[in-house]
Amino acid sequence: MVKDATSTHLSSASQPSDPGQSEVFLGLLERALEAYETPPECEEGERQLRAALLHIMADQGHLRCLLALKGSLAQRVVDAMYKVHHLYGSSEGPQRRRWLATLTIIAQGAKILPSALTIDAQIHEITSWPAIFQAPMVDILEGALSSGAQVCVKKYRSRPEIRGAVVKMFIKEAIMWSTHPHERLLPFEGVYRGEGGLINIDWSYLVSQRRPFGSLSDYLDGRPNADRRKLEQVVHGDVKSSNVFVDAEGRACLADFGLSRYVDAQVLEEFDEDQSMAPTLATDVWSLGCLIYEVYTGRLPFSDFFNVKTGPSPRDLCRLHDAIVVQGKRPSKPSPESEPFASFGLTDEDWEAMEWCWARDPAERPSVHELFAKLYTDGL
């Protein structure tokens, strides 16, 4: 009986060698879920569930079982963990990050999403072409909810050899985006998907509000005299102008959490397979410097190395790597008479801030707070 329950609820590759450990784990988990799911729902029940799951997570063997859940039990756990994550509040901290990282790994392993993220309303008039934005792995399209609200839908492209990795990225982005609401983040509406329990990446879309002015680069192209210093900057994991959108009030909002990760959740790193190319705060700061450069100059950094319309080729990337990493090359400073200085408000202090972001040693790059102080010491 224990063997049947274990094979039903746990991935075979991650089952503990001791069947008794699985039995204890499943018993603890089932009792915690039953107590939580028994009416009436209340915050005290949520706190008891959180305490029970934290107790399970404190044991490495039980944690391994938790991260290997599949099927209906995985869905119950993911739904419960997602619902009670609000108990940590909106402020970031190691406990909240660890909770969300655990939730994400369970969902990725079981190829599921929290049920609360699914959009029940139909999306009409998804415009497949022209796309608002295209990248090698994603298309951003326009659409409309049945309520009439205009939305953007993000669809990941996939091939058989990378399908598993793409599904994991989709799940991580949906959970991270939905659990980090902020006035400077593009509001997330939910996930629009086809029928079925598991994620079908061919029929699943990340849905966000449509911003009237489009991306930051579109906004600046149409408004060359815009005040660049008052377009507030943001940091996450793939900072670039196509991931920053401008609302009707001219405020910049960040989108695209596909490359984001939970900082300081190191205790889970041995269970997370996606660490090799994980972004860091230092890479975010480098990218932020590049974004500031693009805002003021209207050009991509190092654009003389590749065709901007088609993007860098593999040979271009090798040349870029040699120039940046080996030779230490950095974007060149515009002349004092150039448009960035003469018309767009670029200052020597701004350029020093960019160069600080591009320090060769990541440890020498500024924190976000240090960079903000550097850019806004004149009171802007």
Protein backbone atom coordinates (compact mmCIF):
# COMPACT_ATOMS: atom_id res chain seq x y z
CA MET A 1 0.00 0.00 0.00
CA VAL A 2 2.84 2.38 0.91
CA LYS A 3 4.59 1.50 -2.33
CA ASP A 4 1.43 2.32 -4.32
CA ALA A 5 1.02 5.68 -2.60
CA THR A 6 4.69 6.51 -3.10
CA SER A 7 4.65 5.68 -6.81
CA THR A 8 1.45 7.69 -7.26
CA HIS A 9 2.66 10.86 -5.57
CA LEU A 10 6.48 10.88 -5.88
CA SER A 11 8.76 10.98 -8.90
CA SER A 12 10.52 7.61 -9.14
CA ALA A 13 13.95 9.19 -9.64
CA SER A 14 13.71 11.07 -6.33
CA GLN A 15 12.14 8.48 -4.05
CA PRO A 16 14.20 7.87 -0.88
CA SER A 17 15.91 4.52 -0.49
CA ASP A 18 14.07 3.95 2.79
CA PRO A 19 10.35 3.33 2.06
CA GLY A 20 9.58 4.23 5.66
CA GLN A 21 10.76 7.78 5.06
CA SER A 22 8.26 8.17 2.22
CA GLU A 23 5.49 6.82 4.45
CA VAL A 24 6.30 9.31 7.23
CA PHE A 25 6.54 12.19 4.77
CA LEU A 26 3.25 11.41 3.03
CA GLY A 27 1.52 11.01 6.38
CA LEU A 28 2.76 14.38 7.64
CA LEU A 29 1.83 16.09 4.40
CA GLU A 30 -1.64 14.57 4.14
CA ARG A 31 -2.52 15.53 7.72
CA ALA A 32 -1.33 19.10 7.14
CA LEU A 33 -3.37 19.44 3.94
CA GLU A 34 -6.51 17.87 5.40
CA ALA A 35 -6.42 20.25 8.37
CA TYR A 36 -5.99 23.20 6.04
CA GLU A 37 -8.69 22.11 3.58
CA THR A 38 -11.30 21.43 6.27
CA PRO A 39 -13.83 24.33 6.39
CA PRO A 40 -14.01 27.04 7.43
CA GLU A 41 -10.99 28.63 5.78
CA CYS A 42 -9.25 31.15 8.02
CA GLU A 43 -5.87 32.77 8.46
CA GLU A 44 -5.14 30.62 11.48
CA GLY A 45 -5.53 27.53 9.29
CA GLU A 46 -3.11 29.06 6.80
CA ARG A 47 -0.58 29.71 9.56
CA GLN A 48 -0.86 26.12 10.78
CA LEU A 49 -0.29 24.83 7.24
CA ARG A 50 2.75 27.06 6.82
CA ALA A 51 4.19 25.83 10.12
CA ALA A 52 3.60 22.19 9.12
CA LEU A 53 5.25 22.66 5.72
CA LEU A 54 8.20 24.52 7.23
CA HIS A 55 8.63 21.58 9.62
CA ILE A 56 8.69 19.22 6.62
CA MET A 57 11.13 21.47 4.74
CA ALA A 58 13.53 21.50 7.71
CA ASP A 59 14.28 17.80 7.14
CA GLN A 60 16.45 17.22 4.05
CA GLY A 61 14.90 13.84 3.33
CA HIS A 62 11.37 15.18 3.59
CA LEU A 63 12.32 18.25 1.55
CA ARG A 64 13.60 15.99 -1.22
CA CYS A 65 10.27 14.16 -1.20
CA LEU A 66 8.35 17.44 -1.22
CA LEU A 67 10.23 18.66 -4.30
CA ALA A 68 9.54 15.36 -6.08
CA LEU A 69 5.74 15.45 -5.74
CA LYS A 70 3.61 14.77 -8.79
CA GLY A 71 -0.03 14.36 -9.75
CA SER A 72 -2.99 15.52 -7.69
CA LEU A 73 -1.02 15.76 -4.44
CA ALA A 74 1.49 18.10 -6.09
CA GLN A 75 -1.41 20.26 -7.30
CA ARG A 76 -2.89 20.46 -3.79
CA VAL A 77 0.46 21.48 -2.32
CA VAL A 78 1.18 24.05 -5.03
CA ASP A 79 -2.28 25.60 -4.66
CA ALA A 80 -1.96 25.73 -0.87
CA MET A 81 1.57 27.16 -0.86
CA TYR A 82 0.60 29.80 -3.40
CA LYS A 83 -2.47 30.82 -1.42
CA VAL A 84 -0.66 31.22 1.91
CA HIS A 85 2.47 32.95 0.60
CA HIS A 86 0.82 36.29 1.46
CA LEU A 87 1.53 35.56 5.15
CA TYR A 88 5.11 36.67 4.51
CA GLY A 89 3.92 40.11 3.42
CA SER A 90 5.16 42.02 0.41
CA SER A 91 8.68 42.70 1.71
CA GLU A 92 11.48 40.50 0.46
CA GLY A 93 13.31 38.29 2.93
CA PRO A 94 15.10 34.93 2.97
CA GLN A 95 12.07 33.06 4.37
CA ARG A 96 9.72 34.37 1.70
CA ARG A 97 12.24 33.68 -1.07
CA ARG A 98 12.81 30.14 0.19
CA TRP A 99 9.06 29.51 0.31
CA LEU A 100 8.53 30.75 -3.25
CA ALA A 101 11.60 28.89 -4.54
CA THR A 102 10.27 25.65 -3.03
CA LEU A 103 6.85 26.27 -4.57
CA THR A 104 8.44 26.93 -7.96
CA ILE A 105 10.57 23.78 -7.97
CA ILE A 106 7.57 21.61 -7.01
CA ALA A 107 5.51 23.17 -9.81
CA GLN A 108 8.32 22.76 -12.35
CA GLY A 109 8.86 19.11 -11.46
CA ALA A 110 5.15 18.31 -11.73
CA LYS A 111 4.67 20.57 -14.79
CA ILE A 112 1.77 22.40 -13.19
CA LEU A 113 0.80 25.92 -12.11
CA PRO A 114 -1.17 27.26 -9.14
CA SER A 115 -4.83 27.00 -10.14
CA ALA A 116 -5.37 30.63 -9.11
CA LEU A 117 -3.20 31.82 -12.02
CA THR A 118 -5.46 30.44 -14.75
CA ILE A 119 -7.56 33.07 -16.54
CA ASP A 120 -11.14 31.87 -16.91
CA ALA A 121 -12.14 34.56 -19.40
CA GLN A 122 -11.57 34.00 -23.08
CA ILE A 123 -8.96 35.98 -24.97
CA HIS A 124 -10.21 37.21 -28.31
CA GLU A 125 -8.47 38.62 -31.32
CA ILE A 126 -4.96 37.42 -30.55
CA THR A 127 -2.99 39.04 -33.35
CA SER A 128 -0.34 36.59 -34.48
CA TRP A 129 1.30 39.05 -36.86
CA PRO A 130 2.88 41.49 -36.65
CA ALA A 131 4.20 40.67 -33.21
CA ILE A 132 4.82 43.56 -30.79
CA PHE A 133 8.19 42.03 -30.02
CA GLN A 134 10.06 38.93 -31.11
CA ALA A 135 13.09 37.19 -29.64
CA PRO A 136 14.65 33.80 -30.41
CA MET A 137 12.42 32.07 -27.84
CA VAL A 138 9.35 34.30 -27.41
CA ASP A 139 6.70 36.28 -29.26
CA ILE A 140 4.76 39.14 -27.65
CA LEU A 141 1.32 39.50 -29.25
CA GLU A 142 -1.72 41.71 -28.78
CA GLY A 143 -5.11 40.47 -27.64
CA ALA A 144 -8.32 41.42 -25.86
CA LEU A 145 -10.14 39.83 -22.92
CA SER A 146 -13.85 39.11 -23.20
CA SER A 147 -14.34 42.19 -20.96
CA GLY A 148 -12.77 44.31 -23.70
CA ALA A 149 -9.53 45.02 -21.82
CA GLN A 150 -6.51 45.22 -24.12
CA VAL A 151 -3.71 42.84 -23.15
CA CYS A 152 -0.32 41.58 -24.25
CA VAL A 153 0.21 37.85 -24.46
CA LYS A 154 3.64 36.25 -24.26
CA LYS A 155 4.11 32.91 -25.96
CA TYR A 156 7.27 30.84 -25.63
CA ARG A 157 8.53 29.06 -28.71
CA SER A 158 9.69 25.51 -28.25
CA ARG A 159 11.40 22.62 -29.98
CA PRO A 160 11.34 19.00 -28.82
CA GLU A 161 14.93 19.09 -27.56
CA ILE A 162 14.34 22.11 -25.30
CA ARG A 163 10.65 21.66 -24.43
CA GLY A 164 11.32 20.62 -20.84
CA ALA A 165 13.52 23.65 -20.15
CA VAL A 166 11.01 26.01 -21.76
CA VAL A 167 8.15 24.65 -19.64
CA LYS A 168 10.25 25.22 -16.50
CA MET A 169 11.01 28.78 -17.56
CA PHE A 170 7.31 29.45 -18.25
CA ILE A 171 6.27 28.15 -14.82
CA LYS A 172 8.98 30.11 -13.01
CA GLU A 173 8.10 33.34 -14.78
CA ALA A 174 4.36 32.96 -14.05
CA ILE A 175 4.91 32.34 -10.33
CA MET A 176 7.57 35.02 -9.89
CA TRP A 177 5.66 37.67 -11.83
CA SER A 178 2.40 37.02 -9.99
CA THR A 179 3.97 37.09 -6.52
CA HIS A 180 5.86 40.37 -7.00
CA PRO A 181 3.25 43.07 -7.69
CA HIS A 182 4.67 46.59 -7.72
CA GLU A 183 3.73 49.91 -9.29
CA ARG A 184 6.90 49.75 -11.37
CA LEU A 185 6.28 46.22 -12.63
CA LEU A 186 3.97 45.55 -15.56
CA PRO A 187 0.73 44.17 -14.00
CA PHE A 188 0.32 40.42 -14.52
CA GLU A 189 -3.18 39.20 -15.41
CA GLY A 190 -2.57 35.46 -15.32
CA VAL A 191 -2.06 32.45 -17.59
CA TYR A 192 -4.29 31.66 -20.54
CA ARG A 193 -4.01 28.00 -21.48
CA GLY A 194 -5.61 25.14 -23.33
CA GLU A 195 -7.37 22.24 -21.68
CA GLY A 196 -5.57 19.70 -19.52
CA GLY A 197 -3.77 19.59 -16.21
CA LEU A 198 -0.14 19.70 -17.35
CA ILE A 199 1.36 22.74 -19.04
CA ASN A 200 1.14 22.52 -22.83
CA ILE A 201 3.64 25.14 -23.90
CA ASP A 202 2.16 25.28 -27.41
CA TRP A 203 -1.16 26.58 -26.05
CA SER A 204 -0.13 28.56 -22.96
CA TYR A 205 0.26 32.32 -22.76
CA LEU A 206 1.43 34.75 -20.07
CA VAL A 207 -1.03 37.65 -20.05
CA SER A 208 -0.26 41.21 -18.92
CA GLN A 209 -1.87 44.61 -19.26
CA ARG A 210 -1.22 46.46 -22.49
CA ARG A 211 0.75 49.66 -22.09
CA PRO A 212 -0.35 52.38 -24.58
CA PHE A 213 3.16 53.61 -25.39
CA GLY A 214 4.73 50.19 -25.84
CA SER A 215 8.33 49.46 -24.90
CA LEU A 216 10.82 52.05 -23.71
CA SER A 217 12.65 52.03 -27.04
CA ASP A 218 9.34 52.57 -28.90
CA TYR A 219 8.45 55.40 -26.52
CA LEU A 220 11.76 57.21 -27.04
CA ASP A 221 11.69 56.67 -30.80
CA GLY A 222 8.35 58.47 -30.94
CA ARG A 223 9.29 61.13 -28.38
CA PRO A 224 12.90 62.17 -28.93
CA ASN A 225 12.50 65.13 -26.55
CA ALA A 226 11.28 63.05 -23.60
CA ASP A 227 12.94 63.72 -20.24
CA ARG A 228 15.24 60.72 -20.01
CA ARG A 229 16.36 61.39 -16.44
CA LYS A 230 12.83 60.98 -15.11
CA LEU A 231 12.30 57.56 -16.69
CA GLU A 232 12.99 55.59 -13.52
CA GLN A 233 15.27 52.59 -13.85
CA VAL A 234 14.60 49.06 -12.65
CA VAL A 235 16.57 45.88 -11.98
CA HIS A 236 15.66 42.22 -12.38
CA GLY A 237 17.52 39.68 -14.54
CA ASP A 238 17.18 40.60 -18.20
CA VAL A 239 17.20 44.39 -18.14
CA LYS A 240 16.87 45.91 -21.60
CA SER A 241 14.63 48.47 -23.29
CA SER A 242 12.32 45.86 -24.84
CA ASN A 243 11.50 44.63 -21.31
CA VAL A 244 10.62 48.12 -20.03
CA PHE A 245 7.17 49.50 -20.92
CA VAL A 246 5.77 53.02 -20.55
CA ASP A 247 2.25 53.70 -19.26
CA ALA A 248 -0.11 56.58 -20.05
CA GLU A 249 1.51 58.75 -17.36
CA GLY A 250 4.97 58.24 -18.83
CA ARG A 251 6.09 55.91 -16.03
CA ALA A 252 8.43 53.03 -16.81
CA CYS A 253 7.35 49.51 -15.79
CA LEU A 254 9.45 46.34 -15.95
CA ALA A 255 8.28 43.08 -17.51
CA ASP A 256 9.66 39.64 -18.43
CA PHE A 257 10.72 37.47 -15.50
CA GLY A 258 11.93 34.55 -17.61
CA LEU A 259 15.54 34.87 -16.43
CA SER A 260 14.81 36.04 -12.89
CA ARG A 261 15.70 33.95 -9.88
CA TYR A 262 15.23 33.94 -6.14
CA VAL A 263 18.31 35.46 -4.50
CA ASP A 264 19.48 33.96 -1.19
CA ALA A 265 17.54 30.70 -1.55
CA GLN A 266 20.90 28.86 -1.54
CA VAL A 267 19.59 26.04 0.61
CA LEU A 268 17.62 24.84 -2.42
CA GLU A 269 20.39 25.16 -5.01
CA GLU A 270 21.27 21.46 -4.96
CA PHE A 271 17.68 20.70 -6.02
CA ASP A 272 17.50 23.39 -8.73
CA GLU A 273 18.78 22.32 -12.13
CA ASP A 274 18.78 25.84 -13.60
CA GLN A 275 21.79 27.35 -11.81
CA SER A 276 24.49 27.30 -14.49
CA MET A 277 23.31 30.45 -16.29
CA ALA A 278 21.50 32.06 -13.36
CA PRO A 279 21.67 35.85 -13.34
CA THR A 280 23.12 37.70 -10.37
CA LEU A 281 22.65 41.17 -8.95
CA ALA A 282 26.01 42.11 -10.47
CA THR A 283 24.85 41.11 -13.97
CA ASP A 284 21.64 43.08 -13.38
CA VAL A 285 23.71 46.17 -12.59
CA TRP A 286 25.82 45.69 -15.74
CA SER A 287 22.60 45.45 -17.79
CA LEU A 288 21.19 48.51 -16.07
CA GLY A 289 24.22 50.50 -17.16
CA CYS A 290 23.60 49.33 -20.72
CA LEU A 291 19.94 50.37 -20.48
CA ILE A 292 20.90 53.86 -19.29
CA TYR A 293 23.34 54.07 -22.22
CA GLU A 294 20.58 53.11 -24.68
CA VAL A 295 18.13 55.62 -23.16
CA TYR A 296 20.55 58.51 -23.63
CA THR A 297 22.17 57.56 -26.94
CA GLY A 298 19.37 55.71 -28.73
CA ARG A 299 21.85 52.95 -29.61
CA LEU A 300 22.48 49.49 -28.28
CA PRO A 301 25.86 49.13 -26.56
CA PHE A 302 28.46 47.55 -28.88
CA SER A 303 26.05 47.89 -31.83
CA ASP A 304 29.05 48.40 -34.11
CA PHE A 305 29.80 44.69 -33.63
CA PHE A 306 26.57 43.37 -35.20
CA ASN A 307 23.56 44.10 -37.39
CA VAL A 308 20.99 45.68 -35.07
CA LYS A 309 18.03 44.54 -37.20
CA THR A 310 18.97 40.85 -37.30
CA GLY A 311 20.83 40.61 -33.99
CA PRO A 312 24.31 39.18 -33.35
CA SER A 313 25.39 36.02 -35.16
CA PRO A 314 27.45 33.30 -33.41
CA ARG A 315 30.59 34.86 -34.89
CA ASP A 316 29.51 38.30 -33.63
CA LEU A 317 29.01 36.87 -30.13
CA CYS A 318 32.53 35.43 -30.17
CA ARG A 319 33.91 38.84 -31.17
CA LEU A 320 31.86 40.52 -28.45
CA HIS A 321 33.12 38.07 -25.84
CA ASP A 322 36.72 38.70 -26.85
CA ALA A 323 36.24 42.47 -26.83
CA ILE A 324 34.35 42.72 -23.52
CA VAL A 325 35.75 39.87 -21.42
CA VAL A 326 39.30 39.50 -22.77
CA GLN A 327 40.15 43.05 -23.86
CA GLY A 328 37.95 44.88 -21.34
CA LYS A 329 36.29 47.04 -24.00
CA ARG A 330 33.39 49.27 -22.88
CA PRO A 331 30.92 51.48 -24.79
CA SER A 332 32.53 54.71 -25.99
CA LYS A 333 31.56 58.01 -24.38
CA PRO A 334 29.67 60.43 -26.66
CA SER A 335 31.35 63.75 -27.38
CA PRO A 336 30.25 66.82 -25.37
CA GLU A 337 28.66 68.30 -28.52
CA SER A 338 26.65 65.16 -29.28
CA GLU A 339 22.87 64.90 -28.96
CA PRO A 340 22.94 62.86 -25.71
CA PHE A 341 24.79 65.70 -23.94
CA ALA A 342 23.34 68.65 -25.85
CA SER A 343 19.67 67.60 -26.02
CA PHE A 344 18.93 64.57 -23.84
CA GLY A 345 20.43 65.68 -20.53
CA LEU A 346 23.38 63.29 -20.28
CA THR A 347 25.99 64.51 -17.76
CA ASP A 348 29.52 63.48 -16.84
CA GLU A 349 28.12 62.15 -13.55
CA ASP A 350 25.71 59.93 -15.47
CA TRP A 351 28.58 58.57 -17.55
CA GLU A 352 30.62 57.85 -14.42
CA ALA A 353 27.62 55.91 -13.06
CA MET A 354 27.49 53.82 -16.25
CA GLU A 355 31.21 53.07 -16.06
CA TRP A 356 30.72 52.04 -12.43
CA CYS A 357 28.07 49.55 -13.58
CA TRP A 358 30.56 48.14 -16.09
CA ALA A 359 33.38 47.52 -13.60
CA ARG A 360 35.33 44.44 -14.67
CA ASP A 361 35.23 42.97 -11.17
CA PRO A 362 31.55 42.31 -10.30
CA ALA A 363 32.31 42.99 -6.63
CA GLU A 364 33.25 46.57 -7.53
CA ARG A 365 29.90 47.35 -9.18
CA PRO A 366 27.44 49.49 -7.21
CA SER A 367 24.40 48.27 -5.36
CA VAL A 368 21.07 49.57 -6.60
CA HIS A 369 20.93 52.02 -3.68
CA GLU A 370 24.45 53.31 -4.41
CA LEU A 371 23.62 53.73 -8.09
CA PHE A 372 20.38 55.57 -7.31
CA ALA A 373 22.25 57.95 -5.00
CA LYS A 374 24.86 58.57 -7.70
CA LEU A 375 22.27 59.32 -10.39
CA TYR A 376 19.98 61.46 -8.25
CA THR A 377 22.38 63.48 -6.09
CA ASP A 378 21.25 66.60 -7.93
CA GLY A 379 17.72 66.13 -6.60
CA LEU A 380 16.06 64.90 -9.78
